[in-house]
Amino acid sequence: MTKEQISERFRTLQDDICRQLEAADGGGRFTEDNWTRAEGGGGRSRVLQGQSIEKGGVMFSAVHGPLPAPIAKSMQLQEGVEFFATGVSIVLHPHSPMAPIIHMNVRYFETSSGRWWFGGGIDLTPHYVVREDAAFFHQQLKQVCDQHHPDFYPKFKVQADDYFFLKHRQETRGIGGIFFDYLDEQSTSLSQEQLFNYVVAVGETFAPTYTELLARSRTRTWGEREQRWQMLRRGRYVEFNLVWDRGTKFGLETNGRTESILMSMPPQAEWVYNFQPEANSPEAETLSLLRKGIDFLGV
């Protein structure tokens, strides 16, 4: 399997997801922006500002060139190595505070020294945690993982809890999901083709899962209180992406396209000094569930 074949499949995955999201949104259409990277490669950025999705991006990229020394060191690679990276990255911010923010990324990385690996995952950030929705979301992820390896879901769920964690707040970004990186033959005993099939299956799970959650949210009423809470939770999302997210740092340090990298930022957010939710409120209940190690399948 070549890097060109992998890249082309990710490109068609972007097409498929965009079609499904447009249908689910009920009126919005993606705008497309093609771009090139001076050091090599480029991408196709698609942004939706619709009726249900206030701001959403589905990004495809395939870039290559010299790997900056600090990144090579963090990956335990030799200086001067060339890299190729391709993938699809998605963040959706809904209008309704009763619908969740969602993120997905699937990617492939290859170096001139002969190393290759896959990475990615999906995580959900509800403004209000709805236990039935959380169980549905995790069941969808468990199902796709179990079809490829029995250890994937329990292992990658723990990794998601650890990764999507705001250390300075001591809270998880949302209800987690799955997160994986450096998947290769040595770490999994699966072939490159088998791992590629798994990563594509994760990508194909994204749209049906989110469109179902979006449909469920439409029956839930909300007002000024819920919208204010949404702005505060979006602020937490911004904090994670700018302070802790490795993908943001990688994109900026490799001279990636800034507009595409920061597409994950919400259109609006708020920070209120020392905000404390009322005791026994829906907001307080949500905060109580933003911690590691919760079995949402059993909640």
Protein backbone atom coordinates (compact mmCIF):
# COMPACT_ATOMS: atom_id res chain seq x y z
CA MET A 1 0.00 0.00 0.00
CA THR A 2 1.47 3.35 -1.03
CA LYS A 3 1.19 6.73 0.64
CA GLU A 4 -0.59 7.98 -2.48
CA GLN A 5 -3.29 5.32 -2.12
CA ILE A 6 -3.77 6.18 1.55
CA SER A 7 -3.96 9.88 0.79
CA GLU A 8 -6.52 9.39 -1.98
CA ARG A 9 -8.76 7.32 0.32
CA PHE A 10 -8.64 10.09 2.91
CA ARG A 11 -9.63 12.56 0.21
CA THR A 12 -12.73 10.51 -0.67
CA LEU A 13 -13.51 10.16 3.04
CA GLN A 14 -13.63 13.96 3.25
CA ASP A 15 -16.09 13.99 0.33
CA ASP A 16 -18.34 11.37 1.95
CA ILE A 17 -18.42 13.11 5.34
CA CYS A 18 -19.17 16.51 3.83
CA ARG A 19 -22.13 15.13 1.89
CA GLN A 20 -23.61 13.56 5.02
CA LEU A 21 -23.11 16.67 7.13
CA GLU A 22 -24.72 18.94 4.56
CA ALA A 23 -27.76 16.67 4.47
CA ALA A 24 -27.98 16.60 8.27
CA ASP A 25 -27.50 20.35 8.69
CA GLY A 26 -30.61 21.13 6.71
CA GLY A 27 -29.44 24.02 4.57
CA GLY A 28 -25.76 24.81 4.93
CA ARG A 29 -23.19 24.15 2.23
CA PHE A 30 -19.44 23.76 2.57
CA THR A 31 -17.16 26.32 1.02
CA GLU A 32 -13.87 24.95 -0.29
CA ASP A 33 -10.42 26.45 -0.10
CA ASN A 34 -7.51 24.70 -1.80
CA TRP A 35 -4.04 25.60 -0.56
CA THR A 36 -0.41 24.69 -1.08
CA ARG A 37 2.46 24.52 1.39
CA ALA A 38 5.76 26.11 0.35
CA GLU A 39 7.84 23.20 1.70
CA GLY A 40 5.72 20.62 -0.10
CA GLY A 41 2.16 19.41 -0.49
CA GLY A 42 -1.09 21.11 0.41
CA GLY A 43 -4.69 20.49 1.24
CA ARG A 44 -8.37 21.09 0.78
CA SER A 45 -10.16 22.98 3.56
CA ARG A 46 -13.94 22.90 3.74
CA VAL A 47 -15.92 25.06 6.15
CA LEU A 48 -19.65 24.98 6.89
CA GLN A 49 -21.67 27.75 8.53
CA GLY A 50 -25.13 26.28 8.50
CA GLN A 51 -28.48 26.03 10.24
CA SER A 52 -27.56 23.39 12.83
CA ILE A 53 -23.78 23.62 12.64
CA GLU A 54 -22.69 27.15 13.51
CA LYS A 55 -19.11 26.55 12.44
CA GLY A 56 -17.64 23.32 11.18
CA GLY A 57 -14.56 22.32 9.26
CA VAL A 58 -13.63 19.13 7.43
CA MET A 59 -9.98 19.38 6.45
CA PHE A 60 -7.89 17.17 4.17
CA SER A 61 -4.14 17.55 3.81
CA ALA A 62 -1.17 15.74 2.33
CA VAL A 63 2.11 17.49 3.15
CA HIS A 64 5.78 16.61 2.99
CA GLY A 65 9.26 18.02 3.46
CA PRO A 66 12.03 18.27 6.07
CA LEU A 67 10.85 17.56 9.61
CA PRO A 68 11.81 20.43 11.97
CA ALA A 69 14.45 19.40 14.50
CA PRO A 70 12.29 19.96 17.63
CA ILE A 71 9.52 17.75 16.23
CA ALA A 72 11.99 15.08 15.13
CA LYS A 73 13.39 15.03 18.64
CA SER A 74 9.93 14.74 20.23
CA MET A 75 9.20 11.79 17.92
CA GLN A 76 12.59 10.22 18.66
CA LEU A 77 13.62 10.57 15.02
CA GLN A 78 16.99 11.61 13.65
CA GLU A 79 17.53 15.19 12.52
CA GLY A 80 17.31 15.84 8.79
CA VAL A 81 14.61 13.23 8.20
CA GLU A 82 11.96 13.91 5.55
CA PHE A 83 8.31 13.27 6.33
CA PHE A 84 4.99 12.72 4.59
CA ALA A 85 1.74 13.23 6.48
CA THR A 86 -1.82 12.93 5.25
CA GLY A 87 -5.19 12.85 6.95
CA VAL A 88 -8.62 14.25 7.62
CA SER A 89 -9.37 16.48 10.60
CA ILE A 90 -12.82 17.64 11.72
CA VAL A 91 -14.27 19.95 14.38
CA LEU A 92 -17.97 20.89 14.52
CA HIS A 93 -19.47 23.58 16.77
CA PRO A 94 -23.30 23.45 16.77
CA HIS A 95 -25.67 26.38 17.28
CA SER A 96 -27.61 24.60 20.01
CA PRO A 97 -26.02 24.18 23.45
CA MET A 98 -27.99 20.93 23.66
CA ALA A 99 -25.91 19.48 20.79
CA PRO A 100 -22.28 18.46 21.38
CA ILE A 101 -19.03 19.67 19.90
CA ILE A 102 -17.23 16.83 18.14
CA HIS A 103 -13.70 16.26 16.88
CA MET A 104 -12.23 13.58 14.66
CA ASN A 105 -8.84 13.01 13.13
CA VAL A 106 -7.44 10.14 11.09
CA ARG A 107 -3.90 10.39 9.79
CA TYR A 108 -0.92 8.57 8.32
CA PHE A 109 2.72 9.53 8.86
CA GLU A 110 5.76 8.24 6.98
CA THR A 111 9.45 9.14 7.16
CA SER A 112 12.38 8.85 4.77
CA SER A 113 14.05 6.58 7.33
CA GLY A 114 11.45 3.91 6.65
CA ARG A 115 9.12 4.35 9.61
CA TRP A 116 5.35 4.68 9.22
CA TRP A 117 2.34 4.76 11.52
CA PHE A 118 -1.33 5.65 11.79
CA GLY A 119 -3.01 7.85 14.37
CA GLY A 120 -6.32 9.47 15.11
CA GLY A 121 -9.49 9.20 17.13
CA ILE A 122 -12.88 10.71 17.87
CA ASP A 123 -13.93 12.57 21.01
CA LEU A 124 -17.17 14.24 22.07
CA THR A 125 -17.55 17.46 24.05
CA PRO A 126 -21.17 17.95 25.14
CA HIS A 127 -22.10 21.28 26.67
CA TYR A 128 -24.53 19.23 28.75
CA VAL A 129 -23.77 15.55 29.25
CA VAL A 130 -26.82 13.44 28.34
CA ARG A 131 -26.15 9.96 29.66
CA GLU A 132 -28.09 8.15 26.93
CA ASP A 133 -26.18 10.05 24.25
CA ALA A 134 -22.86 9.31 25.95
CA ALA A 135 -23.68 5.60 26.00
CA PHE A 136 -24.68 5.66 22.33
CA PHE A 137 -21.50 7.49 21.33
CA HIS A 138 -19.20 5.10 23.17
CA GLN A 139 -21.11 2.07 21.90
CA GLN A 140 -20.54 3.20 18.30
CA LEU A 141 -16.82 3.53 18.94
CA LYS A 142 -16.61 0.20 20.75
CA GLN A 143 -18.39 -1.52 17.89
CA VAL A 144 -15.96 -0.29 15.24
CA CYS A 145 -12.96 -1.05 17.44
CA ASP A 146 -14.13 -4.57 18.29
CA GLN A 147 -14.43 -5.41 14.60
CA HIS A 148 -10.67 -4.94 14.22
CA HIS A 149 -9.06 -5.81 17.56
CA PRO A 150 -10.54 -6.72 20.98
CA ASP A 151 -8.01 -4.56 22.82
CA PHE A 152 -8.56 -1.38 20.82
CA TYR A 153 -11.57 0.14 22.57
CA PRO A 154 -10.48 -0.30 26.21
CA LYS A 155 -6.93 0.80 25.40
CA PHE A 156 -7.84 3.75 23.21
CA LYS A 157 -10.56 4.95 25.60
CA VAL A 158 -7.99 5.29 28.37
CA GLN A 159 -5.66 7.09 25.98
CA ALA A 160 -8.46 9.51 25.06
CA ASP A 161 -9.14 10.26 28.74
CA ASP A 162 -5.45 10.96 29.25
CA TYR A 163 -4.99 13.03 26.11
CA PHE A 164 -8.15 15.17 26.14
CA PHE A 165 -7.46 16.43 29.64
CA LEU A 166 -7.02 20.02 30.76
CA LYS A 167 -4.31 19.62 33.37
CA HIS A 168 -4.61 23.19 34.53
CA ARG A 169 -8.35 22.67 35.19
CA GLN A 170 -8.15 19.03 36.30
CA GLU A 171 -11.08 18.16 34.05
CA THR A 172 -11.53 16.28 30.81
CA ARG A 173 -12.45 18.25 27.70
CA GLY A 174 -15.64 16.22 27.35
CA ILE A 175 -16.69 12.58 27.66
CA GLY A 176 -13.67 11.26 25.79
CA GLY A 177 -13.89 8.70 23.05
CA ILE A 178 -10.89 6.96 21.49
CA PHE A 179 -7.39 8.23 20.79
CA PHE A 180 -4.49 6.33 19.22
CA ASP A 181 -1.10 7.10 17.76
CA TYR A 182 2.00 5.33 16.44
CA LEU A 183 -0.02 2.31 15.28
CA ASP A 184 2.24 0.05 13.25
CA GLU A 185 2.94 -3.65 12.80
CA GLN A 186 5.19 -3.85 15.85
CA SER A 187 2.75 -2.21 18.27
CA THR A 188 -0.37 -4.08 17.12
CA SER A 189 0.67 -7.28 15.26
CA LEU A 190 -1.58 -6.07 12.43
CA SER A 191 -0.43 -5.38 8.90
CA GLN A 192 -0.38 -1.93 7.35
CA GLU A 193 -3.44 -2.78 5.30
CA GLN A 194 -5.35 -4.04 8.35
CA LEU A 195 -4.52 -0.88 10.29
CA PHE A 196 -5.51 1.27 7.34
CA ASN A 197 -8.86 -0.52 7.16
CA TYR A 198 -9.39 0.18 10.86
CA VAL A 199 -8.56 3.87 10.52
CA VAL A 200 -10.90 4.23 7.54
CA ALA A 201 -13.66 2.46 9.49
CA VAL A 202 -13.22 4.97 12.33
CA GLY A 203 -13.58 7.76 9.79
CA GLU A 204 -16.71 6.20 8.30
CA THR A 205 -18.28 5.92 11.77
CA PHE A 206 -18.03 9.66 12.35
CA ALA A 207 -20.88 11.08 10.25
CA PRO A 208 -23.63 8.56 11.14
CA THR A 209 -22.77 8.91 14.83
CA TYR A 210 -22.79 12.70 14.88
CA THR A 211 -25.86 13.14 12.70
CA GLU A 212 -27.82 10.91 15.10
CA LEU A 213 -26.69 13.02 18.08
CA LEU A 214 -27.58 16.18 16.19
CA ALA A 215 -31.06 14.83 15.44
CA ARG A 216 -31.63 13.95 19.11
CA SER A 217 -30.68 17.46 20.21
CA ARG A 218 -33.37 19.14 18.11
CA THR A 219 -36.13 18.12 20.52
CA ARG A 220 -34.43 19.81 23.50
CA THR A 221 -35.32 23.37 24.38
CA TRP A 222 -32.81 25.95 25.55
CA GLY A 223 -32.55 29.62 26.42
CA GLU A 224 -30.18 32.32 27.60
CA ARG A 225 -28.88 30.30 30.57
CA GLU A 226 -27.92 27.34 28.41
CA GLN A 227 -26.33 29.56 25.78
CA ARG A 228 -24.19 31.29 28.42
CA TRP A 229 -22.99 27.89 29.62
CA GLN A 230 -22.22 26.94 26.04
CA MET A 231 -19.94 29.97 25.72
CA LEU A 232 -18.07 28.98 28.88
CA ARG A 233 -17.61 25.41 27.71
CA ARG A 234 -16.36 26.67 24.35
CA GLY A 235 -13.78 28.63 26.29
CA ARG A 236 -12.50 25.38 27.78
CA TYR A 237 -12.31 23.95 24.26
CA VAL A 238 -10.13 26.86 23.16
CA GLU A 239 -7.86 26.39 26.17
CA PHE A 240 -7.20 22.77 25.32
CA ASN A 241 -6.53 23.36 21.64
CA LEU A 242 -4.10 26.21 22.22
CA VAL A 243 -2.32 24.88 25.30
CA TRP A 244 -2.27 21.09 25.03
CA ASP A 245 -3.21 19.86 21.54
CA ARG A 246 -0.28 18.22 19.74
CA GLY A 247 -1.90 18.56 16.33
CA THR A 248 -2.15 22.33 16.65
CA LYS A 249 1.49 22.56 17.67
CA PHE A 250 2.62 20.22 14.87
CA GLY A 251 0.74 22.21 12.24
CA LEU A 252 2.12 25.55 13.35
CA GLU A 253 5.69 24.29 13.81
CA THR A 254 5.75 22.73 10.32
CA ASN A 255 4.54 25.96 8.72
CA GLY A 256 1.08 24.61 8.07
CA ARG A 257 -1.80 26.76 6.94
CA THR A 258 -2.84 28.83 9.95
CA GLU A 259 -6.48 29.29 8.90
CA SER A 260 -6.94 25.54 8.57
CA ILE A 261 -5.12 24.74 11.82
CA LEU A 262 -7.15 27.24 13.86
CA MET A 263 -10.42 26.26 12.19
CA SER A 264 -11.12 24.29 15.39
CA MET A 265 -11.75 27.51 17.32
CA PRO A 266 -15.44 28.29 18.00
CA PRO A 267 -16.97 31.43 16.50
CA GLN A 268 -17.61 32.81 20.00
CA ALA A 269 -16.52 31.89 23.53
CA GLU A 270 -16.44 33.42 27.02
CA TRP A 271 -14.31 33.37 30.12
CA VAL A 272 -15.93 34.38 33.41
CA TYR A 273 -13.69 34.85 36.42
CA ASN A 274 -14.05 32.00 38.94
CA PHE A 275 -17.42 30.83 37.62
CA GLN A 276 -19.11 28.30 39.90
CA PRO A 277 -22.31 26.53 38.82
CA GLU A 278 -25.25 26.30 41.19
CA ALA A 279 -25.33 23.18 43.34
CA ASN A 280 -27.41 20.33 41.91
CA SER A 281 -27.84 22.18 38.61
CA PRO A 282 -27.50 20.58 35.14
CA GLU A 283 -24.25 22.51 34.77
CA ALA A 284 -22.89 21.08 38.03
CA GLU A 285 -23.89 17.56 36.96
CA THR A 286 -22.02 17.97 33.69
CA LEU A 287 -18.89 19.11 35.54
CA SER A 288 -19.10 16.06 37.80
CA LEU A 289 -18.85 13.85 34.70
CA LEU A 290 -15.80 15.59 33.22
CA ARG A 291 -13.25 13.26 34.76
CA LYS A 292 -11.18 10.30 33.72
CA GLY A 293 -12.19 6.68 33.95
CA ILE A 294 -15.99 6.89 33.67
CA ASP A 295 -17.56 3.86 31.98
CA PHE A 296 -20.15 5.66 29.89
CA LEU A 297 -21.40 2.33 28.53
CA GLY A 298 -22.48 1.49 32.07
CA VAL A 299 -23.72 4.94 33.12
